[in-house]
Amino acid sequence: MRVEMLLCVSVGNVAFTTGDIRIGETPAAALGDKFSSTVYGPGADVSADRR
């Protein structure tokens, strides 16, 4: 199963690392190559994102 989503986590700049991202209680880093993410900065054009 594959889940894709586009999320807005904040208005403005936010500092975080992959270690800060969790899927439930599981750190994203523990998922290895089964997890991927793209970070867009404030004002970025996300219209080409397939999600």
Protein backbone atom coordinates (compact mmCIF):
# COMPACT_ATOMS: atom_id res chain seq x y z
CA MET A 1 0.00 0.00 0.00
CA ARG A 2 1.24 3.49 -0.83
CA VAL A 3 -0.07 6.65 0.81
CA GLU A 4 0.62 10.09 -0.66
CA MET A 5 -0.39 13.40 0.88
CA LEU A 6 0.41 17.08 0.72
CA LEU A 7 0.51 18.75 4.14
CA CYS A 8 0.96 22.28 5.38
CA VAL A 9 2.68 22.12 8.76
CA SER A 10 3.11 25.84 9.40
CA VAL A 11 2.80 29.32 8.00
CA GLY A 12 6.34 30.62 7.51
CA ASN A 13 9.75 29.02 7.95
CA VAL A 14 10.15 25.97 10.19
CA ALA A 15 13.38 24.14 11.04
CA PHE A 16 13.16 20.35 11.25
CA THR A 17 15.07 17.25 10.21
CA THR A 18 13.95 13.84 8.96
CA GLY A 19 14.37 12.65 12.56
CA ASP A 20 11.54 14.99 13.58
CA ILE A 21 9.03 13.43 11.16
CA ARG A 22 6.96 10.54 12.50
CA ILE A 23 4.31 8.25 11.09
CA GLY A 24 2.31 7.56 14.24
CA GLU A 25 4.99 6.62 16.79
CA THR A 26 7.48 5.46 14.13
CA PRO A 27 10.29 7.84 13.17
CA ALA A 28 10.36 8.33 9.39
CA ALA A 29 14.09 7.59 9.43
CA ALA A 30 13.29 4.05 10.66
CA LEU A 31 11.32 3.40 7.46
CA GLY A 32 14.45 3.75 5.32
CA ASP A 33 13.82 3.95 1.57
CA LYS A 34 10.11 3.22 2.11
CA PHE A 35 9.64 6.85 3.16
CA SER A 36 10.26 9.97 1.09
CA SER A 37 9.40 13.60 1.53
CA THR A 38 9.71 16.92 -0.24
CA VAL A 39 9.91 20.19 1.66
CA TYR A 40 8.65 23.37 0.03
CA GLY A 41 9.48 26.75 1.48
CA PRO A 42 7.00 29.58 2.03
CA GLY A 43 5.64 30.93 -1.25
CA ALA A 44 6.85 27.94 -3.29
CA ASP A 45 4.80 26.91 -6.32
CA VAL A 46 3.44 23.43 -5.53
CA SER A 47 1.14 23.22 -8.55
CA ALA A 48 3.37 20.61 -10.24
CA ASP A 49 3.34 18.30 -7.20
CA ARG A 50 1.43 15.14 -8.19
CA ARG A 51 -0.26 14.83 -4.81
